[in-house]
Amino acid sequence: MRNTVYDAAIVPCPDYEAEHVRAALTEALDAIGGLDWVKAGMKVGIKPNLAAAKTPEFAVCTHPVMVAELTKMLIERGAQVTIGESPGGIYTAAALNHSYSATGMTLAAEAGAKLNNDFSSKEGHFADAKVLKSFHYTGWLDDVDVLITFAKLKTHGMMGMTGAVKNLYGTIPGTVKLEYHYRFPNHADFSNMLVDIYEYNHPILALIDAVTAMDGNGPTAGRPRECGALIAAHTAYDADLVGARLIGVEPKDVPTIAAAIERGLSRDSLDKVSLYGDADRFIIKDCELTPRHDITSVKNTRGVTRAFMKMVMASKPAAVKSECIGCGLCAKLCPAKAITMKNKLPSIDRKKCIRCFCCQEFCPKGAMKVKRTAIARLLNK
């Protein structure tokens, strides 16, 4: 272990070859203090991002080799490892086993990890929460001593960026997540809800797979972008500050980071993080971001003016007819019931739409896009 222990680390990882991944994990973890906290018999949970049942080349999910190599390192130290996730939609054995298979997470099982098969839901209470004091969570979490959030660096239709904090939303069971979208339609409240979930689970370690990241129509239908990096940190806030730098986003423009900063939980700049490695080396050039949904002029207005500004500038989900296959999944999963299928095409009731972008996230063909108004494009380039 190094004499200096850093808050966070970013190290090169050129590809997903096992030996390169192992070397990157070793270097990054060593820089932030190593794995000496792992004790024999300790039950360690790993929460990867398995947002959709897609194979690794789509860059939607945390790469299975990353999870498998981390599993090996933990088991070598005597830990018992469980991989757990609750993607959007139904939370059943059939659905999750399909996800494990499609995403290659069975590789982690071959390395010695247990793939979670506990589909129970538990009720949690968090007195220190800002907005989510009572909630439901996936029962498998009760069977682990510590949790690791292992995210994938991607753009996100609603949150701008999905990283190590947002990844913990997958600790909420299946369609309950849709209920929370409807319960917290305001993006600031939704961000605080995500921070509450992170604080409740309080992972011991945050990792972000940024070897191949995603830009554009993220988090499930964007463009794979080579970045060649692995991020590790003691907190998800520091990890996300590094991730934001890589995709060219200011911390204040990532709602989860902004919420954490406001609550005094996160630093407001990567420059204040003791960082091992050079983040600027891995910046994704010409990174295509999802449209921002709020701009300063909207936040600083009130009443009728604010309502009008939001109406003319708020980005919205919109289906590209030529790409839509008419499956109706968007209508089925819409928390606000704002989508109906007409002639096998989605029709969105704008009065009901809460702009949660679940339809965009879960569209199997990426046909649902985030659309900006002309005024928003002019004022918020």
Protein backbone atom coordinates (compact mmCIF):
# COMPACT_ATOMS: atom_id res chain seq x y z
CA MET A 1 0.00 0.00 0.00
CA ARG A 2 1.20 3.54 -0.78
CA ASN A 3 2.28 5.91 1.97
CA THR A 4 -0.18 8.51 0.67
CA VAL A 5 -3.85 7.55 0.72
CA TYR A 6 -5.91 9.55 -1.77
CA ASP A 7 -9.62 10.42 -1.71
CA ALA A 8 -10.07 9.11 -5.24
CA ALA A 9 -8.11 7.60 -8.10
CA ILE A 10 -8.36 7.44 -11.86
CA VAL A 11 -6.11 4.96 -13.61
CA PRO A 12 -5.72 3.77 -17.20
CA CYS A 13 -7.37 0.56 -18.33
CA PRO A 14 -7.04 0.13 -22.10
CA ASP A 15 -9.59 -2.66 -22.52
CA TYR A 16 -11.46 -5.40 -20.72
CA GLU A 17 -8.78 -8.05 -20.86
CA ALA A 18 -8.71 -9.68 -17.43
CA GLU A 19 -5.04 -8.94 -16.76
CA HIS A 20 -5.48 -5.26 -17.64
CA VAL A 21 -8.60 -4.97 -15.50
CA ARG A 22 -6.88 -6.66 -12.57
CA ALA A 23 -3.90 -4.30 -12.85
CA ALA A 24 -6.17 -1.24 -13.00
CA LEU A 25 -8.22 -2.37 -10.00
CA THR A 26 -5.05 -3.06 -8.02
CA GLU A 27 -3.53 0.34 -8.82
CA ALA A 28 -6.72 2.30 -8.16
CA LEU A 29 -7.59 0.53 -4.94
CA ASP A 30 -4.02 0.71 -3.66
CA ALA A 31 -4.07 4.48 -4.20
CA ILE A 32 -7.11 4.93 -1.94
CA GLY A 33 -5.94 2.59 0.79
CA GLY A 34 -6.33 -0.92 -0.57
CA LEU A 35 -8.63 -3.69 0.58
CA ASP A 36 -7.27 -4.18 4.09
CA TRP A 37 -10.77 -3.58 5.43
CA VAL A 38 -11.87 -6.95 4.01
CA LYS A 39 -11.94 -9.58 6.76
CA ALA A 40 -12.29 -13.35 6.48
CA GLY A 41 -15.95 -14.31 6.37
CA MET A 42 -17.11 -10.78 5.59
CA LYS A 43 -20.19 -10.65 3.36
CA VAL A 44 -19.58 -8.11 0.60
CA GLY A 45 -22.30 -6.97 -1.78
CA ILE A 46 -21.46 -5.55 -5.20
CA LYS A 47 -24.09 -3.40 -6.88
CA PRO A 48 -23.25 -3.12 -10.60
CA ASN A 49 -25.26 -1.12 -13.11
CA LEU A 50 -27.38 -3.61 -15.06
CA ALA A 51 -29.82 -1.05 -16.45
CA ALA A 52 -30.87 -3.25 -19.35
CA ALA A 53 -30.35 -6.82 -20.47
CA LYS A 54 -27.78 -5.89 -23.10
CA THR A 55 -24.44 -7.44 -23.96
CA PRO A 56 -21.20 -5.63 -23.00
CA GLU A 57 -20.48 -4.10 -26.42
CA PHE A 58 -23.43 -1.72 -25.97
CA ALA A 59 -21.72 -0.11 -22.94
CA VAL A 60 -24.98 -0.04 -21.00
CA CYS A 61 -23.85 -2.07 -18.00
CA THR A 62 -20.84 -2.41 -15.75
CA HIS A 63 -18.57 -4.79 -17.65
CA PRO A 64 -18.65 -8.37 -16.32
CA VAL A 65 -14.86 -8.71 -16.36
CA MET A 66 -14.65 -5.72 -14.03
CA VAL A 67 -17.05 -7.33 -11.58
CA ALA A 68 -15.43 -10.77 -11.93
CA GLU A 69 -11.92 -9.48 -11.21
CA LEU A 70 -13.11 -7.47 -8.21
CA THR A 71 -14.89 -10.60 -6.99
CA LYS A 72 -11.66 -12.58 -7.19
CA MET A 73 -9.76 -9.94 -5.23
CA LEU A 74 -12.36 -9.96 -2.47
CA ILE A 75 -12.58 -13.75 -2.28
CA GLU A 76 -8.78 -13.98 -2.09
CA ARG A 77 -9.09 -11.98 1.12
CA GLY A 78 -11.70 -14.34 2.54
CA ALA A 79 -14.88 -12.47 1.64
CA GLN A 80 -18.19 -13.93 0.54
CA VAL A 81 -19.45 -11.95 -2.45
CA THR A 82 -23.00 -11.35 -3.64
CA ILE A 83 -23.91 -9.51 -6.84
CA GLY A 84 -27.25 -7.74 -6.61
CA GLU A 85 -29.31 -5.47 -8.85
CA SER A 86 -32.91 -4.51 -9.50
CA PRO A 87 -33.26 -3.06 -13.00
CA GLY A 88 -36.39 -1.17 -14.01
CA GLY A 89 -39.50 -3.22 -14.67
CA ILE A 90 -40.58 -6.42 -13.00
CA TYR A 91 -38.33 -7.81 -10.29
CA THR A 92 -38.56 -11.58 -10.66
CA ALA A 93 -36.18 -14.51 -10.95
CA ALA A 94 -36.91 -14.90 -14.67
CA ALA A 95 -36.28 -11.23 -15.43
CA LEU A 96 -33.11 -10.97 -13.38
CA ASN A 97 -31.65 -14.27 -14.57
CA HIS A 98 -32.15 -13.04 -18.14
CA SER A 99 -30.30 -9.86 -17.20
CA TYR A 100 -27.45 -11.78 -15.55
CA SER A 101 -27.06 -13.92 -18.66
CA ALA A 102 -27.32 -11.13 -21.25
CA THR A 103 -24.93 -8.80 -19.43
CA GLY A 104 -22.36 -11.53 -18.86
CA MET A 105 -22.63 -11.27 -15.09
CA THR A 106 -22.48 -15.07 -14.97
CA LEU A 107 -18.73 -14.51 -15.33
CA ALA A 108 -18.73 -13.14 -11.79
CA ALA A 109 -20.54 -16.27 -10.64
CA GLU A 110 -17.81 -18.37 -12.24
CA ALA A 111 -15.31 -16.30 -10.25
CA GLY A 112 -17.07 -17.31 -7.03
CA ALA A 113 -19.75 -14.69 -6.49
CA LYS A 114 -23.36 -15.46 -5.67
CA LEU A 115 -25.88 -13.88 -8.03
CA ASN A 116 -28.71 -12.62 -5.87
CA ASN A 117 -31.89 -14.68 -6.02
CA ASP A 118 -33.70 -13.04 -3.10
CA PHE A 119 -36.55 -11.01 -4.54
CA SER A 120 -38.10 -9.89 -1.28
CA SER A 121 -38.86 -6.26 -0.51
CA LYS A 122 -38.16 -4.72 2.88
CA GLU A 123 -39.36 -1.47 4.42
CA GLY A 124 -36.71 1.01 5.44
CA HIS A 125 -36.79 4.14 7.58
CA PHE A 126 -34.18 6.88 7.44
CA ALA A 127 -34.64 9.70 9.93
CA ASP A 128 -31.81 11.76 8.42
CA ALA A 129 -33.31 11.70 4.93
CA LYS A 130 -34.33 14.95 3.31
CA VAL A 131 -37.25 13.59 1.26
CA LEU A 132 -37.30 9.77 1.52
CA LYS A 133 -37.75 8.94 5.18
CA SER A 134 -39.73 5.72 4.52
CA PHE A 135 -39.18 3.50 1.51
CA HIS A 136 -38.83 -0.04 0.20
CA TYR A 137 -35.52 -1.70 -0.65
CA THR A 138 -34.36 -5.05 -2.01
CA GLY A 139 -34.12 -7.65 0.72
CA TRP A 140 -30.74 -9.07 -0.30
CA LEU A 141 -29.06 -6.01 1.18
CA ASP A 142 -29.84 -7.25 4.68
CA ASP A 143 -27.56 -10.23 4.06
CA VAL A 144 -24.37 -8.27 3.37
CA ASP A 145 -22.02 -6.55 5.81
CA VAL A 146 -20.75 -3.91 3.39
CA LEU A 147 -21.75 -2.69 -0.06
CA ILE A 148 -19.73 -1.58 -3.08
CA THR A 149 -21.33 0.56 -5.77
CA PHE A 150 -19.78 -0.32 -9.15
CA ALA A 151 -21.27 2.05 -11.69
CA LYS A 152 -20.94 2.66 -15.43
CA LEU A 153 -20.11 6.15 -16.70
CA LYS A 154 -23.00 7.23 -18.92
CA THR A 155 -25.11 10.20 -19.87
CA HIS A 156 -28.65 10.11 -18.52
CA GLY A 157 -31.89 11.53 -19.88
CA MET A 158 -33.15 12.83 -16.55
CA MET A 159 -30.06 13.25 -14.38
CA GLY A 160 -27.57 14.32 -17.04
CA MET A 161 -25.05 11.76 -15.82
CA THR A 162 -25.41 8.42 -14.12
CA GLY A 163 -22.58 7.41 -11.85
CA ALA A 164 -21.91 5.94 -8.44
CA VAL A 165 -24.70 7.78 -6.58
CA LYS A 166 -27.45 7.16 -9.15
CA ASN A 167 -26.39 3.50 -9.32
CA LEU A 168 -27.87 2.92 -5.86
CA TYR A 169 -31.38 3.51 -7.27
CA GLY A 170 -31.09 -0.15 -8.26
CA THR A 171 -31.47 -1.05 -4.58
CA ILE A 172 -35.15 -0.11 -4.90
CA PRO A 173 -37.31 -3.05 -6.06
CA GLY A 174 -38.44 -3.17 -9.69
CA THR A 175 -41.56 -1.15 -10.37
CA VAL A 176 -41.35 0.62 -6.99
CA LYS A 177 -38.81 2.84 -8.76
CA LEU A 178 -41.58 3.95 -11.11
CA GLU A 179 -43.70 4.89 -8.11
CA TYR A 180 -40.86 7.04 -6.78
CA HIS A 181 -40.52 8.78 -10.14
CA TYR A 182 -44.16 9.78 -9.83
CA ARG A 183 -43.79 10.64 -6.15
CA PHE A 184 -40.83 12.96 -6.85
CA PRO A 185 -41.49 14.51 -10.30
CA ASN A 186 -39.46 17.59 -9.41
CA HIS A 187 -35.86 16.95 -10.44
CA ALA A 188 -34.42 18.56 -7.32
CA ASP A 189 -36.57 16.35 -5.09
CA PHE A 190 -35.71 13.29 -7.17
CA SER A 191 -32.00 14.07 -6.82
CA ASN A 192 -32.34 14.43 -3.06
CA MET A 193 -34.17 11.12 -2.99
CA LEU A 194 -31.20 9.49 -4.75
CA VAL A 195 -28.82 11.07 -2.24
CA ASP A 196 -31.01 9.78 0.60
CA ILE A 197 -30.80 6.25 -0.82
CA TYR A 198 -27.03 6.52 -1.11
CA GLU A 199 -26.67 7.83 2.44
CA TYR A 200 -28.89 5.08 3.81
CA ASN A 201 -26.86 2.33 2.13
CA HIS A 202 -23.55 4.11 2.74
CA PRO A 203 -21.31 1.97 0.47
CA ILE A 204 -17.78 1.39 1.68
CA LEU A 205 -16.34 1.84 -1.81
CA ALA A 206 -17.34 3.51 -5.08
CA LEU A 207 -16.07 2.36 -8.47
CA ILE A 208 -16.93 3.54 -11.97
CA ASP A 209 -16.24 1.56 -15.12
CA ALA A 210 -15.16 4.22 -17.63
CA VAL A 211 -13.15 2.00 -19.96
CA THR A 212 -15.95 2.30 -22.48
CA ALA A 213 -18.40 5.01 -21.43
CA MET A 214 -21.63 6.16 -23.08
CA ASP A 215 -22.72 9.52 -24.44
CA GLY A 216 -25.74 10.68 -26.42
CA ASN A 217 -29.08 9.01 -25.76
CA GLY A 218 -28.07 7.45 -22.43
CA PRO A 219 -28.41 5.57 -20.20
CA THR A 220 -29.47 2.61 -22.38
CA ALA A 221 -29.44 3.69 -26.02
CA GLY A 222 -26.46 6.00 -26.31
CA ARG A 223 -23.18 5.73 -28.15
CA PRO A 224 -20.25 3.73 -26.71
CA ARG A 225 -17.23 6.01 -26.26
CA GLU A 226 -13.72 4.83 -25.52
CA CYS A 227 -12.39 6.49 -22.39
CA GLY A 228 -9.90 3.93 -21.09
CA ALA A 229 -10.20 4.62 -17.38
CA LEU A 230 -11.26 3.15 -14.05
CA ILE A 231 -12.38 5.41 -11.20
CA ALA A 232 -12.23 4.49 -7.51
CA ALA A 233 -13.09 6.55 -4.44
CA HIS A 234 -14.07 6.31 -0.81
CA THR A 235 -17.34 8.11 -1.57
CA ALA A 236 -19.62 8.09 -4.58
CA TYR A 237 -19.59 11.89 -4.52
CA ASP A 238 -15.86 12.04 -5.20
CA ALA A 239 -16.15 9.32 -7.84
CA ASP A 240 -18.92 11.24 -9.58
CA LEU A 241 -16.90 14.46 -9.53
CA VAL A 242 -14.23 12.60 -11.48
CA GLY A 243 -16.83 11.15 -13.84
CA ALA A 244 -18.35 14.57 -14.47
CA ARG A 245 -14.94 15.92 -15.48
CA LEU A 246 -14.56 13.13 -18.04
CA ILE A 247 -17.80 13.95 -19.84
CA GLY A 248 -17.33 17.71 -19.59
CA VAL A 249 -20.09 18.54 -17.11
CA GLU A 250 -19.83 21.02 -14.26
CA PRO A 251 -20.68 19.54 -10.85
CA LYS A 252 -23.57 21.98 -10.40
CA ASP A 253 -25.12 20.66 -13.61
CA VAL A 254 -25.34 17.09 -12.30
CA PRO A 255 -28.44 17.18 -10.07
CA THR A 256 -27.24 14.47 -7.68
CA ILE A 257 -23.91 16.21 -7.13
CA ALA A 258 -25.64 19.58 -6.79
CA ALA A 259 -27.99 18.14 -4.15
CA ALA A 260 -25.11 16.60 -2.22
CA ILE A 261 -23.15 19.87 -2.34
CA GLU A 262 -26.14 21.82 -1.03
CA ARG A 263 -26.47 19.36 1.85
CA GLY A 264 -22.79 19.59 2.74
CA LEU A 265 -22.11 15.99 1.76
CA SER A 266 -19.91 16.59 -1.27
CA ARG A 267 -17.11 18.88 -2.28
CA ASP A 268 -18.12 21.41 -4.92
CA SER A 269 -15.12 20.89 -7.16
CA LEU A 270 -12.84 18.08 -8.26
CA ASP A 271 -9.96 20.44 -7.50
CA LYS A 272 -10.74 19.93 -3.80
CA VAL A 273 -10.42 16.15 -4.07
CA SER A 274 -7.08 14.50 -3.35
CA LEU A 275 -6.85 12.63 -6.65
CA TYR A 276 -4.39 9.99 -7.76
CA GLY A 277 -3.99 10.22 -11.52
CA ASP A 278 -4.80 12.85 -14.13
CA ALA A 279 -8.51 13.08 -14.93
CA ASP A 280 -7.93 15.52 -17.79
CA ARG A 281 -6.02 12.81 -19.63
CA PHE A 282 -9.25 10.83 -20.02
CA ILE A 283 -11.70 13.57 -20.99
CA ILE A 284 -14.01 12.35 -23.76
CA LYS A 285 -13.65 14.81 -26.61
CA ASP A 286 -16.86 16.08 -28.21
CA CYS A 287 -18.90 14.19 -25.65
CA GLU A 288 -22.56 14.41 -26.63
CA LEU A 289 -24.60 15.19 -23.55
CA THR A 290 -28.31 14.73 -23.05
CA PRO A 291 -30.16 18.06 -23.01
CA ARG A 292 -30.27 19.92 -19.73
CA HIS A 293 -33.79 20.28 -18.40
CA ASP A 294 -33.44 23.46 -16.35
CA ILE A 295 -31.45 26.62 -16.88
CA THR A 296 -30.54 29.38 -14.46
CA SER A 297 -33.13 31.78 -15.83
CA VAL A 298 -35.89 29.30 -14.99
CA LYS A 299 -34.59 28.64 -11.48
CA ASN A 300 -34.47 32.36 -10.70
CA THR A 301 -38.06 33.12 -11.75
CA ARG A 302 -41.35 32.66 -9.94
CA GLY A 303 -45.08 32.30 -10.54
CA VAL A 304 -46.52 32.70 -14.02
CA THR A 305 -43.15 33.66 -15.49
CA ARG A 306 -41.54 30.50 -14.15
CA ALA A 307 -44.38 28.33 -15.43
CA PHE A 308 -44.16 29.89 -18.88
CA MET A 309 -40.37 29.59 -19.02
CA LYS A 310 -40.54 25.92 -18.07
CA MET A 311 -43.24 25.31 -20.67
CA VAL A 312 -41.22 26.77 -23.53
CA MET A 313 -37.80 25.49 -22.47
CA ALA A 314 -38.27 22.13 -20.73
CA SER A 315 -36.92 19.17 -22.68
CA LYS A 316 -39.38 16.39 -23.37
CA PRO A 317 -39.40 12.75 -24.44
CA ALA A 318 -40.33 12.24 -28.09
CA ALA A 319 -40.51 9.06 -30.16
CA VAL A 320 -38.81 8.74 -33.54
CA LYS A 321 -41.50 6.98 -35.55
CA SER A 322 -39.08 5.31 -37.96
CA GLU A 323 -37.27 3.61 -35.06
CA CYS A 324 -40.31 2.64 -32.96
CA ILE A 325 -41.41 -1.01 -33.13
CA GLY A 326 -44.70 -0.42 -31.34
CA CYS A 327 -43.95 -2.72 -28.41
CA GLY A 328 -45.79 -0.48 -25.94
CA LEU A 329 -43.22 -0.86 -23.16
CA CYS A 330 -43.04 2.91 -22.73
CA ALA A 331 -46.78 3.09 -22.07
CA LYS A 332 -46.62 0.15 -19.68
CA LEU A 333 -43.80 1.61 -17.59
CA CYS A 334 -44.83 5.29 -17.59
CA PRO A 335 -45.26 6.24 -13.90
CA ALA A 336 -47.66 9.09 -14.74
CA LYS A 337 -49.71 7.04 -17.23
CA ALA A 338 -49.07 9.81 -19.74
CA ILE A 339 -48.47 7.49 -22.72
CA THR A 340 -51.06 5.63 -24.76
CA MET A 341 -50.50 3.58 -27.90
CA LYS A 342 -52.27 4.81 -31.02
CA ASN A 343 -51.78 2.94 -34.28
CA LYS A 344 -48.85 1.13 -32.63
CA LEU A 345 -47.10 4.43 -31.86
CA PRO A 346 -46.76 6.15 -28.47
CA SER A 347 -48.82 9.28 -27.90
CA ILE A 348 -47.70 11.44 -24.96
CA ASP A 349 -50.12 13.56 -22.96
CA ARG A 350 -47.92 16.56 -22.19
CA LYS A 351 -50.17 17.67 -19.34
CA LYS A 352 -49.56 14.39 -17.53
CA CYS A 353 -45.89 13.92 -18.45
CA ILE A 354 -43.57 14.48 -15.48
CA ARG A 355 -40.38 14.32 -17.60
CA CYS A 356 -38.92 11.39 -15.68
CA PHE A 357 -37.68 9.94 -19.01
CA CYS A 358 -38.42 6.36 -17.97
CA CYS A 359 -39.80 5.87 -21.49
CA GLN A 360 -36.49 7.01 -22.96
CA GLU A 361 -34.44 4.90 -20.56
CA PHE A 362 -36.33 1.64 -21.07
CA CYS A 363 -37.11 1.82 -24.81
CA PRO A 364 -35.55 -1.40 -26.17
CA LYS A 365 -34.72 0.21 -29.52
CA GLY A 366 -33.69 3.66 -28.34
CA ALA A 367 -36.54 5.18 -30.33
CA MET A 368 -37.55 7.54 -27.53
CA LYS A 369 -35.28 10.59 -27.49
CA VAL A 370 -34.82 13.65 -25.29
CA LYS A 371 -36.08 16.58 -27.34
CA ARG A 372 -35.16 20.20 -26.67
CA THR A 373 -37.23 23.19 -27.66
CA ALA A 374 -35.76 25.75 -30.06
CA ILE A 375 -35.62 28.37 -27.29
CA ALA A 376 -33.78 25.98 -24.99
CA ARG A 377 -31.25 25.21 -27.71
CA LEU A 378 -30.66 28.92 -28.16
CA LEU A 379 -30.33 29.82 -24.47
CA ASN A 380 -28.75 26.66 -23.12
CA LYS A 381 -26.12 25.53 -25.59
